[in-house]
Amino acid sequence: MTENPQKASLGPLLNNRSYDKLKWVATIVLPGLAALYLGLSQIWGFPYTEEIAATITVINTFLGILLGVSSRNYNNSESRYDGNLTVVHTPEGESPDFVLALNSDDAMNVIPQKNEVIFKVTVR
């Protein structure tokens, strides 16, 4: 009998700050730069119009792939949770108990700076 090993969950490739900066570059800066060069080259006759625009597009495509992989890994990992909310079943008729645990000691300092907090819910 052959066992199928579970696929290991990879963490995010980029931290939040790097991800946000690269996303800004990929969604705002590079498309704007390509459009700017294309437009100005038509007006002023700049050289290598297609080559430069294509180079920017290829770089932007690579960044899009990198951002997509990082986003997928993050969403499939435990890194996206700030903590765990465990629902503990009690005898019938009683309300369940809830146990809230943060993922790190630093979470108490970081959570007040967030707009939202995400907990993984487990039931016992």
N, C-alpha and C. Protein backbone atom coordinates (compact mmCIF):
# COMPACT_ATOMS: atom_id res chain seq x y z
N MET A 1 0.84 -1.16 0.00
CA MET A 1 0.00 0.00 0.00
C MET A 1 0.90 1.24 0.00
N THR A 2 0.63 2.12 -0.94
CA THR A 2 1.41 3.35 -1.04
C THR A 2 0.65 4.50 -0.42
N GLU A 3 1.32 5.22 0.46
CA GLU A 3 0.69 6.36 1.10
C GLU A 3 0.96 7.62 0.28
N ASN A 4 -0.04 8.46 0.22
CA ASN A 4 0.14 9.75 -0.45
C ASN A 4 0.54 10.77 0.60
N PRO A 5 1.77 11.24 0.54
CA PRO A 5 2.16 12.24 1.53
C PRO A 5 1.36 13.52 1.30
N GLN A 6 0.97 14.14 2.40
CA GLN A 6 0.24 15.39 2.26
C GLN A 6 1.17 16.47 1.74
N LYS A 7 0.62 17.29 0.90
CA LYS A 7 1.39 18.38 0.32
C LYS A 7 1.75 19.36 1.42
N ALA A 8 3.03 19.68 1.53
CA ALA A 8 3.48 20.62 2.55
C ALA A 8 2.97 22.01 2.21
N SER A 9 2.50 22.72 3.21
CA SER A 9 2.00 24.07 3.02
C SER A 9 3.18 25.04 3.06
N LEU A 10 3.35 25.75 1.97
CA LEU A 10 4.41 26.74 1.91
C LEU A 10 3.90 28.05 2.46
N GLY A 11 4.77 28.77 3.11
CA GLY A 11 4.40 30.09 3.60
C GLY A 11 4.46 31.10 2.46
N PRO A 12 4.13 32.32 2.73
CA PRO A 12 4.18 33.34 1.69
C PRO A 12 5.61 33.57 1.21
N LEU A 13 5.76 33.89 -0.07
CA LEU A 13 7.09 34.18 -0.62
C LEU A 13 7.57 35.55 -0.19
N LEU A 14 6.64 36.46 0.05
CA LEU A 14 6.97 37.84 0.35
C LEU A 14 6.30 38.26 1.66
N ASN A 15 6.94 39.17 2.39
CA ASN A 15 6.26 39.71 3.56
C ASN A 15 5.24 40.75 3.08
N ASN A 16 4.38 41.21 3.98
CA ASN A 16 3.29 42.12 3.59
C ASN A 16 3.79 43.39 2.92
N ARG A 17 4.83 43.95 3.48
CA ARG A 17 5.36 45.22 2.94
C ARG A 17 5.91 45.03 1.52
N SER A 18 6.69 43.97 1.32
CA SER A 18 7.24 43.70 -0.01
C SER A 18 6.12 43.40 -1.01
N TYR A 19 5.14 42.62 -0.58
CA TYR A 19 4.01 42.28 -1.45
C TYR A 19 3.27 43.56 -1.88
N ASP A 20 2.98 44.44 -0.92
CA ASP A 20 2.26 45.67 -1.24
C ASP A 20 3.04 46.56 -2.19
N LYS A 21 4.35 46.67 -1.98
CA LYS A 21 5.18 47.50 -2.86
C LYS A 21 5.24 46.90 -4.27
N LEU A 22 5.46 45.59 -4.36
CA LEU A 22 5.52 44.97 -5.68
C LEU A 22 4.18 45.03 -6.39
N LYS A 23 3.10 44.90 -5.65
CA LYS A 23 1.77 44.99 -6.26
C LYS A 23 1.55 46.40 -6.83
N TRP A 24 1.99 47.42 -6.10
CA TRP A 24 1.87 48.80 -6.58
C TRP A 24 2.70 48.99 -7.85
N VAL A 25 3.91 48.45 -7.86
CA VAL A 25 4.76 48.55 -9.05
C VAL A 25 4.11 47.83 -10.23
N ALA A 26 3.56 46.64 -9.98
CA ALA A 26 2.98 45.84 -11.07
C ALA A 26 1.65 46.40 -11.57
N THR A 27 0.89 47.05 -10.72
CA THR A 27 -0.44 47.52 -11.15
C THR A 27 -0.47 48.99 -11.55
N ILE A 28 0.49 49.78 -11.07
CA ILE A 28 0.48 51.21 -11.36
C ILE A 28 1.72 51.65 -12.15
N VAL A 29 2.89 51.39 -11.59
CA VAL A 29 4.12 51.97 -12.14
C VAL A 29 4.47 51.40 -13.51
N LEU A 30 4.59 50.09 -13.63
CA LEU A 30 5.04 49.52 -14.91
C LEU A 30 4.03 49.72 -16.04
N PRO A 31 2.73 49.51 -15.84
CA PRO A 31 1.81 49.81 -16.94
C PRO A 31 1.85 51.30 -17.32
N GLY A 32 1.95 52.17 -16.32
CA GLY A 32 2.05 53.60 -16.61
C GLY A 32 3.32 53.95 -17.37
N LEU A 33 4.41 53.32 -16.99
CA LEU A 33 5.69 53.56 -17.67
C LEU A 33 5.64 53.09 -19.12
N ALA A 34 5.06 51.93 -19.33
CA ALA A 34 4.94 51.41 -20.71
C ALA A 34 4.08 52.34 -21.55
N ALA A 35 2.95 52.78 -21.01
CA ALA A 35 2.06 53.69 -21.74
C ALA A 35 2.74 55.03 -22.00
N LEU A 36 3.46 55.54 -21.01
CA LEU A 36 4.18 56.80 -21.17
C LEU A 36 5.20 56.71 -22.29
N TYR A 37 6.01 55.65 -22.28
CA TYR A 37 7.03 55.52 -23.32
C TYR A 37 6.41 55.33 -24.69
N LEU A 38 5.36 54.51 -24.77
CA LEU A 38 4.69 54.32 -26.06
C LEU A 38 4.15 55.65 -26.60
N GLY A 39 3.49 56.40 -25.73
CA GLY A 39 2.93 57.67 -26.16
C GLY A 39 3.99 58.68 -26.56
N LEU A 40 4.99 58.85 -25.72
CA LEU A 40 6.04 59.82 -26.03
C LEU A 40 6.87 59.40 -27.25
N SER A 41 7.06 58.12 -27.43
CA SER A 41 7.84 57.68 -28.59
C SER A 41 7.11 57.98 -29.90
N GLN A 42 5.77 57.94 -29.85
CA GLN A 42 5.00 58.29 -31.04
C GLN A 42 5.10 59.79 -31.34
N ILE A 43 5.12 60.59 -30.29
CA ILE A 43 5.20 62.04 -30.47
C ILE A 43 6.61 62.49 -30.84
N TRP A 44 7.61 61.96 -30.14
CA TRP A 44 8.98 62.44 -30.27
C TRP A 44 9.89 61.51 -31.08
N GLY A 45 9.38 60.39 -31.48
CA GLY A 45 10.19 59.49 -32.30
C GLY A 45 11.29 58.79 -31.53
N PHE A 46 11.03 58.45 -30.26
CA PHE A 46 12.03 57.72 -29.46
C PHE A 46 12.33 56.37 -30.12
N PRO A 47 13.55 55.88 -29.95
CA PRO A 47 13.92 54.60 -30.57
C PRO A 47 13.40 53.39 -29.77
N TYR A 48 13.38 52.25 -30.44
CA TYR A 48 13.09 50.95 -29.82
C TYR A 48 11.75 50.91 -29.08
N THR A 49 10.73 51.52 -29.64
CA THR A 49 9.44 51.61 -28.97
C THR A 49 8.89 50.24 -28.60
N GLU A 50 8.79 49.35 -29.58
CA GLU A 50 8.22 48.03 -29.32
C GLU A 50 9.09 47.22 -28.35
N GLU A 51 10.40 47.30 -28.51
CA GLU A 51 11.30 46.53 -27.66
C GLU A 51 11.21 46.96 -26.19
N ILE A 52 11.18 48.25 -25.96
CA ILE A 52 11.12 48.75 -24.58
C ILE A 52 9.76 48.44 -23.96
N ALA A 53 8.68 48.67 -24.70
CA ALA A 53 7.35 48.37 -24.18
C ALA A 53 7.19 46.87 -23.91
N ALA A 54 7.71 46.05 -24.80
CA ALA A 54 7.64 44.59 -24.60
C ALA A 54 8.46 44.16 -23.39
N THR A 55 9.62 44.77 -23.19
CA THR A 55 10.46 44.45 -22.03
C THR A 55 9.74 44.79 -20.73
N ILE A 56 9.11 45.95 -20.69
CA ILE A 56 8.36 46.34 -19.49
C ILE A 56 7.21 45.36 -19.25
N THR A 57 6.54 44.96 -20.31
CA THR A 57 5.42 44.02 -20.20
C THR A 57 5.87 42.65 -19.71
N VAL A 58 7.01 42.17 -20.19
CA VAL A 58 7.53 40.88 -19.74
C VAL A 58 7.91 40.93 -18.26
N ILE A 59 8.55 42.01 -17.85
CA ILE A 59 8.90 42.18 -16.43
C ILE A 59 7.62 42.22 -15.59
N ASN A 60 6.62 42.94 -16.06
CA ASN A 60 5.36 43.04 -15.33
C ASN A 60 4.65 41.70 -15.25
N THR A 61 4.71 40.91 -16.31
CA THR A 61 4.11 39.58 -16.29
C THR A 61 4.80 38.69 -15.25
N PHE A 62 6.12 38.75 -15.18
CA PHE A 62 6.85 37.98 -14.18
C PHE A 62 6.46 38.40 -12.77
N LEU A 63 6.35 39.71 -12.53
CA LEU A 63 5.93 40.19 -11.20
C LEU A 63 4.52 39.71 -10.87
N GLY A 64 3.64 39.69 -11.87
CA GLY A 64 2.28 39.19 -11.65
C GLY A 64 2.27 37.73 -11.24
N ILE A 65 3.12 36.93 -11.86
CA ILE A 65 3.23 35.52 -11.49
C ILE A 65 3.77 35.38 -10.07
N LEU A 66 4.81 36.13 -9.75
CA LEU A 66 5.39 36.10 -8.41
C LEU A 66 4.35 36.51 -7.36
N LEU A 67 3.60 37.56 -7.62
CA LEU A 67 2.56 38.01 -6.69
C LEU A 67 1.45 36.98 -6.56
N GLY A 68 1.07 36.35 -7.67
CA GLY A 68 0.03 35.33 -7.64
C GLY A 68 0.43 34.11 -6.83
N VAL A 69 1.67 33.65 -7.01
CA VAL A 69 2.16 32.49 -6.25
C VAL A 69 2.24 32.84 -4.77
N SER A 70 2.75 34.03 -4.46
CA SER A 70 2.86 34.44 -3.07
C SER A 70 1.47 34.53 -2.42
N SER A 71 0.52 35.09 -3.14
CA SER A 71 -0.84 35.22 -2.62
C SER A 71 -1.47 33.85 -2.39
N ARG A 72 -1.30 32.94 -3.34
CA ARG A 72 -1.85 31.59 -3.19
C ARG A 72 -1.22 30.87 -2.00
N ASN A 73 0.10 30.95 -1.86
CA ASN A 73 0.77 30.30 -0.74
C ASN A 73 0.30 30.89 0.59
N TYR A 74 0.16 32.20 0.64
CA TYR A 74 -0.30 32.86 1.86
C TYR A 74 -1.71 32.41 2.23
N ASN A 75 -2.61 32.40 1.25
CA ASN A 75 -4.00 32.01 1.51
C ASN A 75 -4.14 30.54 1.89
N ASN A 76 -3.19 29.71 1.50
CA ASN A 76 -3.23 28.28 1.83
C ASN A 76 -2.40 27.94 3.07
N SER A 77 -1.85 28.95 3.73
CA SER A 77 -0.98 28.70 4.88
C SER A 77 -1.64 29.16 6.17
N GLU A 78 -1.03 28.81 7.26
CA GLU A 78 -1.49 29.26 8.58
C GLU A 78 -1.07 30.71 8.84
N SER A 79 -0.20 31.25 8.02
CA SER A 79 0.30 32.61 8.22
C SER A 79 -0.79 33.66 8.14
N ARG A 80 -1.88 33.35 7.46
CA ARG A 80 -2.94 34.34 7.28
C ARG A 80 -3.77 34.56 8.53
N TYR A 81 -3.65 33.66 9.51
CA TYR A 81 -4.45 33.76 10.73
C TYR A 81 -3.68 34.49 11.83
N ASP A 82 -4.42 35.31 12.56
CA ASP A 82 -3.83 36.00 13.71
C ASP A 82 -3.89 35.14 14.97
N GLY A 83 -4.72 34.12 14.93
CA GLY A 83 -4.86 33.25 16.08
C GLY A 83 -5.89 32.17 15.81
N ASN A 84 -6.24 31.45 16.86
CA ASN A 84 -7.21 30.35 16.76
C ASN A 84 -8.36 30.59 17.73
N LEU A 85 -9.56 30.27 17.26
CA LEU A 85 -10.74 30.28 18.11
C LEU A 85 -11.23 28.84 18.16
N THR A 86 -11.11 28.22 19.33
CA THR A 86 -11.51 26.83 19.50
C THR A 86 -12.87 26.79 20.19
N VAL A 87 -13.81 26.09 19.57
CA VAL A 87 -15.14 25.90 20.16
C VAL A 87 -15.12 24.53 20.83
N VAL A 88 -15.33 24.52 22.15
CA VAL A 88 -15.29 23.27 22.91
C VAL A 88 -16.72 22.89 23.28
N HIS A 89 -17.14 21.73 22.75
CA HIS A 89 -18.49 21.26 23.06
C HIS A 89 -18.61 20.91 24.54
N THR A 90 -19.76 21.24 25.10
CA THR A 90 -20.04 20.95 26.51
C THR A 90 -21.25 20.02 26.56
N PRO A 91 -21.61 19.53 27.74
CA PRO A 91 -22.77 18.66 27.82
C PRO A 91 -24.00 19.33 27.21
N GLU A 92 -24.88 18.52 26.66
CA GLU A 92 -26.06 19.01 25.96
C GLU A 92 -26.85 19.98 26.84
N GLY A 93 -27.28 21.06 26.22
CA GLY A 93 -28.06 22.06 26.95
C GLY A 93 -27.21 23.21 27.46
N GLU A 94 -25.91 23.03 27.55
CA GLU A 94 -25.03 24.10 28.00
C GLU A 94 -24.41 24.80 26.80
N SER A 95 -24.10 26.05 26.98
CA SER A 95 -23.43 26.80 25.91
C SER A 95 -22.01 26.28 25.73
N PRO A 96 -21.52 26.26 24.50
CA PRO A 96 -20.14 25.80 24.30
C PRO A 96 -19.14 26.79 24.90
N ASP A 97 -17.95 26.30 25.20
CA ASP A 97 -16.87 27.16 25.66
C ASP A 97 -16.06 27.59 24.45
N PHE A 98 -15.49 28.78 24.53
CA PHE A 98 -14.66 29.32 23.45
C PHE A 98 -13.29 29.63 24.01
N VAL A 99 -12.26 29.17 23.31
CA VAL A 99 -10.89 29.44 23.72
C VAL A 99 -10.23 30.23 22.59
N LEU A 100 -9.76 31.42 22.92
CA LEU A 100 -9.13 32.29 21.94
C LEU A 100 -7.64 32.33 22.22
N ALA A 101 -6.83 32.01 21.20
CA ALA A 101 -5.37 32.02 21.36
C ALA A 101 -4.74 32.78 20.20
N LEU A 102 -3.85 33.71 20.51
CA LEU A 102 -3.14 34.45 19.48
C LEU A 102 -1.92 33.66 19.03
N ASN A 103 -1.51 33.86 17.78
CA ASN A 103 -0.40 33.09 17.21
C ASN A 103 0.97 33.52 17.71
N SER A 104 1.10 34.74 18.18
CA SER A 104 2.43 35.19 18.63
C SER A 104 2.30 36.11 19.82
N ASP A 105 3.39 36.24 20.55
CA ASP A 105 3.41 37.14 21.69
C ASP A 105 3.30 38.60 21.24
N ASP A 106 3.77 38.87 20.03
CA ASP A 106 3.76 40.23 19.49
C ASP A 106 2.36 40.63 18.98
N ALA A 107 1.45 39.67 18.89
CA ALA A 107 0.13 39.93 18.33
C ALA A 107 -0.62 41.02 19.09
N MET A 108 -0.46 41.07 20.39
CA MET A 108 -1.15 42.09 21.18
C MET A 108 -0.72 43.50 20.79
N ASN A 109 0.52 43.64 20.31
CA ASN A 109 1.01 44.95 19.88
C ASN A 109 0.61 45.26 18.43
N VAL A 110 0.46 44.22 17.62
CA VAL A 110 0.18 44.39 16.20
C VAL A 110 -1.31 44.54 15.93
N ILE A 111 -2.15 43.81 16.64
CA ILE A 111 -3.59 43.80 16.37
C ILE A 111 -4.22 45.19 16.45
N PRO A 112 -3.87 46.05 17.40
CA PRO A 112 -4.51 47.38 17.41
C PRO A 112 -4.23 48.21 16.16
N GLN A 113 -3.21 47.86 15.39
CA GLN A 113 -2.88 48.59 14.18
C GLN A 113 -3.61 48.06 12.96
N LYS A 114 -4.34 46.97 13.11
CA LYS A 114 -5.02 46.33 11.98
C LYS A 114 -6.46 46.80 11.86
N ASN A 115 -6.98 46.68 10.64
CA ASN A 115 -8.39 46.97 10.39
C ASN A 115 -9.26 45.74 10.61
N GLU A 116 -8.65 44.58 10.53
CA GLU A 116 -9.39 43.34 10.74
C GLU A 116 -8.45 42.28 11.32
N VAL A 117 -9.04 41.32 12.00
CA VAL A 117 -8.29 40.23 12.60
C VAL A 117 -8.95 38.93 12.13
N ILE A 118 -8.12 37.94 11.76
CA ILE A 118 -8.63 36.68 11.23
C ILE A 118 -8.23 35.55 12.16
N PHE A 119 -9.23 34.79 12.60
CA PHE A 119 -8.99 33.63 13.46
C PHE A 119 -9.43 32.38 12.74
N LYS A 120 -8.66 31.32 12.91
CA LYS A 120 -9.04 30.01 12.41
C LYS A 120 -9.94 29.37 13.46
N VAL A 121 -11.08 28.87 13.04
CA VAL A 121 -12.03 28.28 13.96
C VAL A 121 -11.91 26.76 13.90
N THR A 122 -11.75 26.16 15.08
CA THR A 122 -11.73 24.70 15.18
C THR A 122 -12.75 24.29 16.22
N VAL A 123 -13.29 23.11 16.05
CA VAL A 123 -14.33 22.61 16.96
C VAL A 123 -13.81 21.33 17.59
N ARG A 124 -13.96 21.24 18.91
CA ARG A 124 -13.57 20.02 19.62
C ARG A 124 -14.77 19.48 20.34
